[in-house]
């Protein structure tokens, strides 16, 4: 499942660490992580959001593109590509991977 950490901080609880952006974690880890009182408060204010379950719930193309654009872990991006057939989603994921590995092509001043 994907869990979106919308905050600017790394979150740690129950032996699980979420970096800012999307994270791929198991259902078991999510249950432990989300049971922590501090994490529950962050879930209540939508700073941490579970995006997909192992039951096969699928995200819309728009949701997955937005999630990919806020993902900074290449392994998680590769996980998003598994089984994905929508060209717009695949292009957004590939663009984010390109940005992370090569840069966005903009020169720094």
PDB file of N, CA and C in Angstrom:
ATOM      1  N   UNK A   1       0.838  -1.173   0.000  1.00  0.00           N
ATOM      2  CA  UNK A   1       0.000   0.000   0.000  1.00  0.00           C
ATOM      3  C   UNK A   1       0.882   1.234   0.000  1.00  0.00           C
ATOM      4  N   UNK A   2       0.327   2.321  -0.504  1.00  0.00           N
ATOM      5  CA  UNK A   2       1.047   3.581  -0.498  1.00  0.00           C
ATOM      6  C   UNK A   2       0.503   4.465   0.610  1.00  0.00           C
ATOM      7  N   UNK A   3       1.418   5.098   1.315  1.00  0.00           N
ATOM      8  CA  UNK A   3       1.041   6.037   2.366  1.00  0.00           C
ATOM      9  C   UNK A   3       1.712   7.363   2.029  1.00  0.00           C
ATOM     10  N   UNK A   4       0.910   8.416   1.951  1.00  0.00           N
ATOM     11  CA  UNK A   4       1.405   9.732   1.580  1.00  0.00           C
ATOM     12  C   UNK A   4       1.646  10.555   2.839  1.00  0.00           C
ATOM     13  N   UNK A   5       2.906  10.879   3.076  1.00  0.00           N
ATOM     14  CA  UNK A   5       3.291  11.769   4.166  1.00  0.00           C
ATOM     15  C   UNK A   5       3.342  13.165   3.562  1.00  0.00           C
ATOM     16  N   UNK A   6       2.288  13.936   3.760  1.00  0.00           N
ATOM     17  CA  UNK A   6       2.187  15.267   3.170  1.00  0.00           C
ATOM     18  C   UNK A   6       2.991  16.315   3.930  1.00  0.00           C
ATOM     19  N   UNK A   7       3.509  15.955   5.089  1.00  0.00           N
ATOM     20  CA  UNK A   7       4.284  16.886   5.886  1.00  0.00           C
ATOM     21  C   UNK A   7       5.708  17.033   5.392  1.00  0.00           C
ATOM     22  N   UNK A   8       6.440  17.907   6.033  1.00  0.00           N
ATOM     23  CA  UNK A   8       7.835  18.165   5.666  1.00  0.00           C
ATOM     24  C   UNK A   8       8.825  17.406   6.541  1.00  0.00           C
ATOM     25  N   UNK A   9       8.322  16.486   7.338  1.00  0.00           N
ATOM     26  CA  UNK A   9       9.172  15.796   8.304  1.00  0.00           C
ATOM     27  C   UNK A   9       9.102  14.292   8.128  1.00  0.00           C
ATOM     28  N   UNK A  10      10.197  13.616   8.461  1.00  0.00           N
ATOM     29  CA  UNK A  10      10.212  12.162   8.513  1.00  0.00           C
ATOM     30  C   UNK A  10       9.412  11.765   9.751  1.00  0.00           C
ATOM     31  N   UNK A  11       8.546  10.789   9.605  1.00  0.00           N
ATOM     32  CA  UNK A  11       7.712  10.317  10.723  1.00  0.00           C
ATOM     33  C   UNK A  11       8.117   8.899  11.076  1.00  0.00           C
ATOM     34  N   UNK A  12       8.360   8.657  12.366  1.00  0.00           N
ATOM     35  CA  UNK A  12       8.759   7.339  12.859  1.00  0.00           C
ATOM     36  C   UNK A  12       7.798   6.900  13.953  1.00  0.00           C
ATOM     37  N   UNK A  13       7.316   5.660  13.852  1.00  0.00           N
ATOM     38  CA  UNK A  13       6.483   5.075  14.908  1.00  0.00           C
ATOM     39  C   UNK A  13       6.411   3.578  14.671  1.00  0.00           C
ATOM     40  N   UNK A  14       6.423   2.830  15.740  1.00  0.00           N
ATOM     41  CA  UNK A  14       6.265   1.371  15.693  1.00  0.00           C
ATOM     42  C   UNK A  14       7.265   0.703  14.740  1.00  0.00           C
ATOM     43  N   UNK A  15       8.471   1.260  14.669  1.00  0.00           N
ATOM     44  CA  UNK A  15       9.494   0.678  13.814  1.00  0.00           C
ATOM     45  C   UNK A  15       9.319   0.969  12.333  1.00  0.00           C
ATOM     46  N   UNK A  16       8.401   1.864  11.990  1.00  0.00           N
ATOM     47  CA  UNK A  16       8.136   2.235  10.591  1.00  0.00           C
ATOM     48  C   UNK A  16       8.555   3.686  10.408  1.00  0.00           C
ATOM     49  N   UNK A  17       9.212   3.964   9.292  1.00  0.00           N
ATOM     50  CA  UNK A  17       9.639   5.328   8.982  1.00  0.00           C
ATOM     51  C   UNK A  17       9.014   5.763   7.667  1.00  0.00           C
ATOM     52  N   UNK A  18       8.398   6.944   7.669  1.00  0.00           N
ATOM     53  CA  UNK A  18       7.848   7.530   6.453  1.00  0.00           C
ATOM     54  C   UNK A  18       8.606   8.804   6.143  1.00  0.00           C
ATOM     55  N   UNK A  19       9.155   8.888   4.938  1.00  0.00           N
ATOM     56  CA  UNK A  19       9.785  10.118   4.490  1.00  0.00           C
ATOM     57  C   UNK A  19       8.700  11.000   3.884  1.00  0.00           C
ATOM     58  N   UNK A  20       8.940  12.297   3.721  1.00  0.00           N
ATOM     59  CA  UNK A  20       7.945  13.132   3.047  1.00  0.00           C
ATOM     60  C   UNK A  20       7.668  12.603   1.643  1.00  0.00           C
ATOM     61  N   UNK A  21       6.417  12.670   1.236  1.00  0.00           N
ATOM     62  CA  UNK A  21       6.002  12.137  -0.053  1.00  0.00           C
ATOM     63  C   UNK A  21       5.400  10.754   0.123  1.00  0.00           C
ATOM     64  N   UNK A  22       5.358  10.001  -0.965  1.00  0.00           N
ATOM     65  CA  UNK A  22       4.749   8.673  -0.934  1.00  0.00           C
ATOM     66  C   UNK A  22       5.736   7.636  -0.423  1.00  0.00           C
ATOM     67  N   UNK A  23       5.201   6.683   0.305  1.00  0.00           N
ATOM     68  CA  UNK A  23       5.984   5.571   0.843  1.00  0.00           C
ATOM     69  C   UNK A  23       5.222   4.284   0.564  1.00  0.00           C
ATOM     70  N   UNK A  24       5.928   3.232   0.266  1.00  0.00           N
ATOM     71  CA  UNK A  24       5.316   1.920   0.059  1.00  0.00           C
ATOM     72  C   UNK A  24       5.573   1.087   1.309  1.00  0.00           C
ATOM     73  N   UNK A  25       4.492   0.695   2.004  1.00  0.00           N
ATOM     74  CA  UNK A  25       4.640  -0.115   3.211  1.00  0.00           C
ATOM     75  C   UNK A  25       3.612  -1.236   3.198  1.00  0.00           C
ATOM     76  N   UNK A  26       3.846  -2.238   4.006  1.00  0.00           N
ATOM     77  CA  UNK A  26       2.928  -3.372   4.072  1.00  0.00           C
ATOM     78  C   UNK A  26       1.687  -3.008   4.889  1.00  0.00           C
ATOM     79  N   UNK A  27       0.628  -3.755   4.688  1.00  0.00           N
ATOM     80  CA  UNK A  27      -0.604  -3.563   5.460  1.00  0.00           C
ATOM     81  C   UNK A  27      -0.329  -3.747   6.953  1.00  0.00           C
ATOM     82  N   UNK A  28       0.509  -4.732   7.284  1.00  0.00           N
ATOM     83  CA  UNK A  28       0.855  -5.006   8.677  1.00  0.00           C
ATOM     84  C   UNK A  28       1.568  -3.804   9.306  1.00  0.00           C
ATOM     85  N   UNK A  29       2.557  -3.239   8.585  1.00  0.00           N
ATOM     86  CA  UNK A  29       3.267  -2.068   9.089  1.00  0.00           C
ATOM     87  C   UNK A  29       2.329  -0.873   9.235  1.00  0.00           C
ATOM     88  N   UNK A  30       1.397  -0.717   8.295  1.00  0.00           N
ATOM     89  CA  UNK A  30       0.444   0.381   8.378  1.00  0.00           C
ATOM     90  C   UNK A  30      -0.417   0.264   9.634  1.00  0.00           C
ATOM     91  N   UNK A  31      -0.862  -0.945   9.934  1.00  0.00           N
ATOM     92  CA  UNK A  31      -1.695  -1.144  11.123  1.00  0.00           C
ATOM     93  C   UNK A  31      -0.939  -0.757  12.389  1.00  0.00           C
ATOM     94  N   UNK A  32       0.319  -1.158  12.488  1.00  0.00           N
ATOM     95  CA  UNK A  32       1.132  -0.802  13.658  1.00  0.00           C
ATOM     96  C   UNK A  32       1.395   0.696  13.710  1.00  0.00           C
ATOM     97  N   UNK A  33       1.800   1.257  12.591  1.00  0.00           N
ATOM     98  CA  UNK A  33       2.144   2.674  12.495  1.00  0.00           C
ATOM     99  C   UNK A  33       0.939   3.551  12.803  1.00  0.00           C
ATOM    100  N   UNK A  34      -0.185   3.243  12.182  1.00  0.00           N
ATOM    101  CA  UNK A  34      -1.372   4.089  12.326  1.00  0.00           C
ATOM    102  C   UNK A  34      -2.024   3.977  13.697  1.00  0.00           C
ATOM    103  N   UNK A  35      -1.652   2.968  14.481  1.00  0.00           N
ATOM    104  CA  UNK A  35      -2.203   2.808  15.828  1.00  0.00           C
ATOM    105  C   UNK A  35      -1.536   3.736  16.845  1.00  0.00           C
ATOM    106  N   UNK A  36      -0.396   4.290  16.508  1.00  0.00           N
ATOM    107  CA  UNK A  36       0.325   5.174  17.427  1.00  0.00           C
ATOM    108  C   UNK A  36      -0.486   6.466  17.621  1.00  0.00           C
ATOM    109  N   UNK A  37      -0.638   6.938  18.864  1.00  0.00           N
ATOM    110  CA  UNK A  37      -1.469   8.124  19.133  1.00  0.00           C
ATOM    111  C   UNK A  37      -1.060   9.382  18.355  1.00  0.00           C
ATOM    112  N   UNK A  38       0.228   9.664  18.244  1.00  0.00           N
ATOM    113  CA  UNK A  38       0.664  10.842  17.498  1.00  0.00           C
ATOM    114  C   UNK A  38       0.316  10.695  16.012  1.00  0.00           C
ATOM    115  N   UNK A  39       0.540   9.514  15.484  1.00  0.00           N
ATOM    116  CA  UNK A  39       0.249   9.272  14.071  1.00  0.00           C
ATOM    117  C   UNK A  39      -1.250   9.381  13.820  1.00  0.00           C
ATOM    118  N   UNK A  40      -2.064   8.913  14.761  1.00  0.00           N
ATOM    119  CA  UNK A  40      -3.515   9.041  14.614  1.00  0.00           C
ATOM    120  C   UNK A  40      -3.925  10.506  14.477  1.00  0.00           C
ATOM    121  N   UNK A  41      -3.274  11.382  15.225  1.00  0.00           N
ATOM    122  CA  UNK A  41      -3.574  12.815  15.122  1.00  0.00           C
ATOM    123  C   UNK A  41      -3.191  13.353  13.739  1.00  0.00           C
ATOM    124  N   UNK A  42      -2.061  12.889  13.208  1.00  0.00           N
ATOM    125  CA  UNK A  42      -1.634  13.318  11.874  1.00  0.00           C
ATOM    126  C   UNK A  42      -2.567  12.781  10.796  1.00  0.00           C
ATOM    127  N   UNK A  43      -3.091  11.588  10.993  1.00  0.00           N
ATOM    128  CA  UNK A  43      -4.072  11.016  10.066  1.00  0.00           C
ATOM    129  C   UNK A  43      -5.359  11.843  10.117  1.00  0.00           C
ATOM    130  N   UNK A  44      -5.779  12.231  11.316  1.00  0.00           N
ATOM    131  CA  UNK A  44      -7.008  13.011  11.486  1.00  0.00           C
ATOM    132  C   UNK A  44      -6.961  14.355  10.761  1.00  0.00           C
ATOM    133  N   UNK A  45      -5.767  14.953  10.665  1.00  0.00           N
ATOM    134  CA  UNK A  45      -5.640  16.243   9.983  1.00  0.00           C
ATOM    135  C   UNK A  45      -5.138  16.083   8.542  1.00  0.00           C
ATOM    136  N   UNK A  46      -5.186  14.859   8.027  1.00  0.00           N
ATOM    137  CA  UNK A  46      -4.810  14.529   6.641  1.00  0.00           C
ATOM    138  C   UNK A  46      -3.366  14.852   6.285  1.00  0.00           C
ATOM    139  N   UNK A  47      -2.471  14.814   7.271  1.00  0.00           N
ATOM    140  CA  UNK A  47      -1.051  14.982   6.963  1.00  0.00           C
ATOM    141  C   UNK A  47      -0.449  13.643   6.527  1.00  0.00           C
ATOM    142  N   UNK A  48      -1.031  12.560   7.015  1.00  0.00           N
ATOM    143  CA  UNK A  48      -0.638  11.215   6.590  1.00  0.00           C
ATOM    144  C   UNK A  48      -1.897  10.525   6.082  1.00  0.00           C
ATOM    145  N   UNK A  49      -1.819  10.030   4.830  1.00  0.00           N
ATOM    146  CA  UNK A  49      -2.995   9.465   4.181  1.00  0.00           C
ATOM    147  C   UNK A  49      -2.634   8.141   3.516  1.00  0.00           C
ATOM    148  N   UNK A  50      -3.385   7.091   3.842  1.00  0.00           N
ATOM    149  CA  UNK A  50      -3.222   5.804   3.165  1.00  0.00           C
ATOM    150  C   UNK A  50      -3.894   5.925   1.800  1.00  0.00           C
ATOM    151  N   UNK A  51      -3.174   5.575   0.742  1.00  0.00           N
ATOM    152  CA  UNK A  51      -3.672   5.787  -0.612  1.00  0.00           C
ATOM    153  C   UNK A  51      -4.146   4.528  -1.328  1.00  0.00           C
ATOM    154  N   UNK A  52      -3.705   3.384  -0.908  1.00  0.00           N
ATOM    155  CA  UNK A  52      -4.107   2.163  -1.610  1.00  0.00           C
ATOM    156  C   UNK A  52      -4.024   1.009  -0.637  1.00  0.00           C
ATOM    157  N   UNK A  53      -4.918   0.075  -0.770  1.00  0.00           N
ATOM    158  CA  UNK A  53      -4.883  -1.087   0.097  1.00  0.00           C
ATOM    159  C   UNK A  53      -4.521  -2.318  -0.707  1.00  0.00           C
ATOM    160  N   UNK A  54      -4.101  -3.340  -0.015  1.00  0.00           N
ATOM    161  CA  UNK A  54      -3.761  -4.587  -0.690  1.00  0.00           C
ATOM    162  C   UNK A  54      -4.989  -5.311  -1.203  1.00  0.00           C
ATOM    163  N   UNK A  55      -6.180  -4.832  -0.848  1.00  0.00           N
ATOM    164  CA  UNK A  55      -7.421  -5.438  -1.328  1.00  0.00           C
ATOM    165  C   UNK A  55      -7.657  -5.112  -2.797  1.00  0.00           C
ATOM    166  N   UNK A  56      -6.770  -4.319  -3.395  1.00  0.00           N
ATOM    167  CA  UNK A  56      -6.865  -4.048  -4.825  1.00  0.00           C
ATOM    168  C   UNK A  56      -7.539  -2.732  -5.166  1.00  0.00           C
ATOM    169  N   UNK A  57      -7.806  -1.894  -4.187  1.00  0.00           N
ATOM    170  CA  UNK A  57      -8.374  -0.580  -4.493  1.00  0.00           C
ATOM    171  C   UNK A  57      -7.390   0.164  -5.377  1.00  0.00           C
ATOM    172  N   UNK A  58      -7.898   0.758  -6.430  1.00  0.00           N
ATOM    173  CA  UNK A  58      -7.025   1.469  -7.356  1.00  0.00           C
ATOM    174  C   UNK A  58      -7.230   2.972  -7.238  1.00  0.00           C
ATOM    175  N   UNK A  59      -6.154   3.683  -7.386  1.00  0.00           N
ATOM    176  CA  UNK A  59      -6.206   5.137  -7.383  1.00  0.00           C
ATOM    177  C   UNK A  59      -6.560   5.614  -8.784  1.00  0.00           C
ATOM    178  N   UNK A  60      -7.225   6.761  -8.865  1.00  0.00           N
ATOM    179  CA  UNK A  60      -7.490   7.345 -10.182  1.00  0.00           C
ATOM    180  C   UNK A  60      -6.158   7.798 -10.772  1.00  0.00           C
ATOM    181  N   UNK A  61      -6.148   8.018 -12.074  1.00  0.00           N
ATOM    182  CA  UNK A  61      -4.926   8.479 -12.732  1.00  0.00           C
ATOM    183  C   UNK A  61      -4.468   9.798 -12.121  1.00  0.00           C
ATOM    184  N   UNK A  62      -5.403  10.696 -11.870  1.00  0.00           N
ATOM    185  CA  UNK A  62      -5.069  11.996 -11.294  1.00  0.00           C
ATOM    186  C   UNK A  62      -4.427  11.845  -9.911  1.00  0.00           C
ATOM    187  N   UNK A  63      -4.998  10.968  -9.073  1.00  0.00           N
ATOM    188  CA  UNK A  63      -4.446  10.758  -7.728  1.00  0.00           C
ATOM    189  C   UNK A  63      -3.050  10.160  -7.788  1.00  0.00           C
ATOM    190  N   UNK A  64      -2.855   9.190  -8.674  1.00  0.00           N
ATOM    191  CA  UNK A  64      -1.555   8.529  -8.761  1.00  0.00           C
ATOM    192  C   UNK A  64      -0.498   9.461  -9.351  1.00  0.00           C
ATOM    193  N   UNK A  65      -0.876  10.292 -10.301  1.00  0.00           N
ATOM    194  CA  UNK A  65       0.066  11.270 -10.852  1.00  0.00           C
ATOM    195  C   UNK A  65       0.488  12.260  -9.776  1.00  0.00           C
ATOM    196  N   UNK A  66      -0.479  12.753  -9.003  1.00  0.00           N
ATOM    197  CA  UNK A  66      -0.163  13.688  -7.915  1.00  0.00           C
ATOM    198  C   UNK A  66       0.747  13.030  -6.885  1.00  0.00           C
ATOM    199  N   UNK A  67       0.476  11.783  -6.577  1.00  0.00           N
ATOM    200  CA  UNK A  67       1.293  11.040  -5.622  1.00  0.00           C
ATOM    201  C   UNK A  67       2.712  10.855  -6.159  1.00  0.00           C
ATOM    202  N   UNK A  68       2.833  10.504  -7.427  1.00  0.00           N
ATOM    203  CA  UNK A  68       4.155  10.307  -8.042  1.00  0.00           C
ATOM    204  C   UNK A  68       4.971  11.594  -8.024  1.00  0.00           C
ATOM    205  N   UNK A  69       4.315  12.707  -8.268  1.00  0.00           N
ATOM    206  CA  UNK A  69       5.011  13.993  -8.301  1.00  0.00           C
ATOM    207  C   UNK A  69       5.517  14.414  -6.924  1.00  0.00           C
ATOM    208  N   UNK A  70       4.995  13.792  -5.870  1.00  0.00           N
ATOM    209  CA  UNK A  70       5.436  14.101  -4.510  1.00  0.00           C
ATOM    210  C   UNK A  70       6.195  12.920  -3.899  1.00  0.00           C
ATOM    211  N   UNK A  71       6.790  12.098  -4.756  1.00  0.00           N
ATOM    212  CA  UNK A  71       7.533  10.927  -4.296  1.00  0.00           C
ATOM    213  C   UNK A  71       9.014  11.123  -4.596  1.00  0.00           C
ATOM    214  N   UNK A  72       9.854  10.858  -3.578  1.00  0.00           N
ATOM    215  CA  UNK A  72      11.286  11.104  -3.711  1.00  0.00           C
ATOM    216  C   UNK A  72      12.110   9.845  -3.520  1.00  0.00           C
ATOM    217  N   UNK A  73      11.461   8.704  -3.574  1.00  0.00           N
ATOM    218  CA  UNK A  73      12.126   7.422  -3.435  1.00  0.00           C
ATOM    219  C   UNK A  73      11.928   6.634  -4.725  1.00  0.00           C
ATOM    220  N   UNK A  74      13.018   6.325  -5.411  1.00  0.00           N
ATOM    221  CA  UNK A  74      12.930   5.657  -6.706  1.00  0.00           C
ATOM    222  C   UNK A  74      12.302   4.273  -6.577  1.00  0.00           C
ATOM    223  N   UNK A  75      12.602   3.554  -5.517  1.00  0.00           N
ATOM    224  CA  UNK A  75      11.997   2.224  -5.332  1.00  0.00           C
ATOM    225  C   UNK A  75      10.474   2.321  -5.229  1.00  0.00           C
ATOM    226  N   UNK A  76       9.975   3.328  -4.544  1.00  0.00           N
ATOM    227  CA  UNK A  76       8.532   3.518  -4.435  1.00  0.00           C
ATOM    228  C   UNK A  76       7.940   3.867  -5.799  1.00  0.00           C
ATOM    229  N   UNK A  77       8.629   4.694  -6.553  1.00  0.00           N
ATOM    230  CA  UNK A  77       8.162   5.023  -7.906  1.00  0.00           C
ATOM    231  C   UNK A  77       8.116   3.775  -8.787  1.00  0.00           C
ATOM    232  N   UNK A  78       9.130   2.940  -8.690  1.00  0.00           N
ATOM    233  CA  UNK A  78       9.139   1.690  -9.461  1.00  0.00           C
ATOM    234  C   UNK A  78       7.989   0.780  -9.032  1.00  0.00           C
ATOM    235  N   UNK A  79       7.683   0.776  -7.740  1.00  0.00           N
ATOM    236  CA  UNK A  79       6.558  -0.006  -7.224  1.00  0.00           C
ATOM    237  C   UNK A  79       5.241   0.496  -7.829  1.00  0.00           C
ATOM    238  N   UNK A  80       5.118   1.807  -7.987  1.00  0.00           N
ATOM    239  CA  UNK A  80       3.911   2.390  -8.579  1.00  0.00           C
ATOM    240  C   UNK A  80       3.710   1.930 -10.024  1.00  0.00           C
ATOM    241  N   UNK A  81       4.803   1.671 -10.720  1.00  0.00           N
ATOM    242  CA  UNK A  81       4.724   1.277 -12.126  1.00  0.00           C
ATOM    243  C   UNK A  81       4.231  -0.160 -12.321  1.00  0.00           C
ATOM    244  N   UNK A  82       4.380  -0.991 -11.288  1.00  0.00           N
ATOM    245  CA  UNK A  82       4.009  -2.398 -11.416  1.00  0.00           C
ATOM    246  C   UNK A  82       2.519  -2.532 -11.714  1.00  0.00           C
ATOM    247  N   UNK A  83       2.218  -3.163 -12.814  1.00  0.00           N
ATOM    248  CA  UNK A  83       0.833  -3.413 -13.191  1.00  0.00           C
ATOM    249  C   UNK A  83       0.097  -2.200 -13.739  1.00  0.00           C
ATOM    250  N   UNK A  84       0.763  -1.059 -13.783  1.00  0.00           N
ATOM    251  CA  UNK A  84       0.129   0.172 -14.278  1.00  0.00           C
ATOM    252  C   UNK A  84       0.169   0.192 -15.798  1.00  0.00           C
ATOM    253  N   UNK A  85      -0.968   0.474 -16.438  1.00  0.00           N
ATOM    254  CA  UNK A  85      -1.040   0.495 -17.891  1.00  0.00           C
ATOM    255  C   UNK A  85      -1.394   1.871 -18.454  1.00  0.00           C
ATOM    256  N   UNK A  86      -1.837   2.778 -17.595  1.00  0.00           N
ATOM    257  CA  UNK A  86      -2.238   4.102 -18.072  1.00  0.00           C
ATOM    258  C   UNK A  86      -1.001   4.914 -18.468  1.00  0.00           C
ATOM    259  N   UNK A  87      -0.981   5.360 -19.732  1.00  0.00           N
ATOM    260  CA  UNK A  87       0.189   6.047 -20.279  1.00  0.00           C
ATOM    261  C   UNK A  87       0.500   7.356 -19.561  1.00  0.00           C
ATOM    262  N   UNK A  88      -0.523   8.085 -19.175  1.00  0.00           N
ATOM    263  CA  UNK A  88      -0.284   9.369 -18.500  1.00  0.00           C
ATOM    264  C   UNK A  88       0.365   9.149 -17.138  1.00  0.00           C
ATOM    265  N   UNK A  89      -0.056   8.096 -16.457  1.00  0.00           N
ATOM    266  CA  UNK A  89       0.517   7.780 -15.145  1.00  0.00           C
ATOM    267  C   UNK A  89       1.958   7.330 -15.304  1.00  0.00           C
ATOM    268  N   UNK A  90       2.202   6.440 -16.243  1.00  0.00           N
ATOM    269  CA  UNK A  90       3.563   5.954 -16.475  1.00  0.00           C
ATOM    270  C   UNK A  90       4.497   7.100 -16.862  1.00  0.00           C
ATOM    271  N   UNK A  91       3.997   8.026 -17.674  1.00  0.00           N
ATOM    272  CA  UNK A  91       4.814   9.175 -18.085  1.00  0.00           C
ATOM    273  C   UNK A  91       5.152  10.048 -16.873  1.00  0.00           C
ATOM    274  N   UNK A  92       4.192  10.263 -15.989  1.00  0.00           N
ATOM    275  CA  UNK A  92       4.440  11.083 -14.795  1.00  0.00           C
ATOM    276  C   UNK A  92       5.454  10.414 -13.869  1.00  0.00           C
ATOM    277  N   UNK A  93       5.343   9.104 -13.724  1.00  0.00           N
ATOM    278  CA  UNK A  93       6.289   8.365 -12.880  1.00  0.00           C
ATOM    279  C   UNK A  93       7.687   8.433 -13.489  1.00  0.00           C
ATOM    280  N   UNK A  94       7.771   8.187 -14.792  1.00  0.00           N
ATOM    281  CA  UNK A  94       9.074   8.244 -15.462  1.00  0.00           C
ATOM    282  C   UNK A  94       9.688   9.639 -15.388  1.00  0.00           C
ATOM    283  N   UNK A  95       8.851  10.662 -15.492  1.00  0.00           N
ATOM    284  CA  UNK A  95       9.347  12.036 -15.392  1.00  0.00           C
ATOM    285  C   UNK A  95       9.915  12.310 -13.996  1.00  0.00           C
ATOM    286  N   UNK A  96       9.245  11.806 -12.963  1.00  0.00           N
ATOM    287  CA  UNK A  96       9.745  12.008 -11.596  1.00  0.00           C
ATOM    288  C   UNK A  96      11.059  11.246 -11.388  1.00  0.00           C
ATOM    289  N   UNK A  97      11.138  10.035 -11.914  1.00  0.00           N
ATOM    290  CA  UNK A  97      12.386   9.263 -11.815  1.00  0.00           C
ATOM    291  C   UNK A  97      13.511  10.019 -12.525  1.00  0.00           C
ATOM    292  N   UNK A  98      13.210  10.553 -13.694  1.00  0.00           N
ATOM    293  CA  UNK A  98      14.200  11.326 -14.452  1.00  0.00           C
ATOM    294  C   UNK A  98      14.664  12.539 -13.651  1.00  0.00           C
ATOM    295  N   UNK A  99      13.737  13.235 -13.040  1.00  0.00           N
ATOM    296  CA  UNK A  99      14.070  14.406 -12.231  1.00  0.00           C
ATOM    297  C   UNK A  99      14.977  14.031 -11.070  1.00  0.00           C
ATOM    298  N   UNK A 100      14.681  12.911 -10.429  1.00  0.00           N
ATOM    299  CA  UNK A 100      15.473  12.486  -9.272  1.00  0.00           C
ATOM    300  C   UNK A 100      16.860  11.984  -9.656  1.00  0.00           C
ATOM    301  N   UNK A 101      16.982  11.370 -10.822  1.00  0.00           N
ATOM    302  CA  UNK A 101      18.265  10.785 -11.200  1.00  0.00           C
ATOM    303  C   UNK A 101      19.149  11.737 -12.002  1.00  0.00           C
ATOM    304  N   UNK A 102      18.545  12.595 -12.827  1.00  0.00           N
ATOM    305  CA  UNK A 102      19.327  13.475 -13.694  1.00  0.00           C
ATOM    306  C   UNK A 102      19.130  14.935 -13.337  1.00  0.00           C
ATOM    307  N   UNK A 103      18.003  15.277 -12.810  1.00  0.00           N
ATOM    308  CA  UNK A 103      17.650  16.667 -12.534  1.00  0.00           C
ATOM    309  C   UNK A 103      16.539  17.094 -13.462  1.00  0.00           C
ATOM    310  N   UNK A 104      16.062  18.299 -13.266  1.00  0.00           N
ATOM    311  CA  UNK A 104      14.935  18.769 -14.058  1.00  0.00           C
ATOM    312  C   UNK A 104      15.367  19.542 -15.300  1.00  0.00           C
ATOM    313  N   UNK A 105      16.667  19.626 -15.565  1.00  0.00           N
ATOM    314  CA  UNK A 105      17.158  20.301 -16.747  1.00  0.00           C
ATOM    315  C   UNK A 105      17.311  21.805 -16.587  1.00  0.00           C
ATOM    316  N   UNK A 106      16.895  22.338 -15.456  1.00  0.00           N
ATOM    317  CA  UNK A 106      17.024  23.770 -15.219  1.00  0.00           C
ATOM    318  C   UNK A 106      18.379  24.049 -14.586  1.00  0.00           C
ATOM    319  N   UNK A 107      19.035  25.063 -15.115  1.00  0.00           N
ATOM    320  CA  UNK A 107      20.345  25.418 -14.570  1.00  0.00           C
ATOM    321  C   UNK A 107      20.181  26.218 -13.283  1.00  0.00           C
ATOM    322  N   UNK A 108      21.062  25.984 -12.362  1.00  0.00           N
ATOM    323  CA  UNK A 108      21.075  26.734 -11.110  1.00  0.00           C
ATOM    324  C   UNK A 108      21.811  28.049 -11.346  1.00  0.00           C
ATOM    325  N   UNK A 109      21.308  29.119 -10.779  1.00  0.00           N
ATOM    326  CA  UNK A 109      21.985  30.404 -10.918  1.00  0.00           C
ATOM    327  C   UNK A 109      22.878  30.650  -9.743  1.00  0.00           C
TER     328      UNK A 109
END
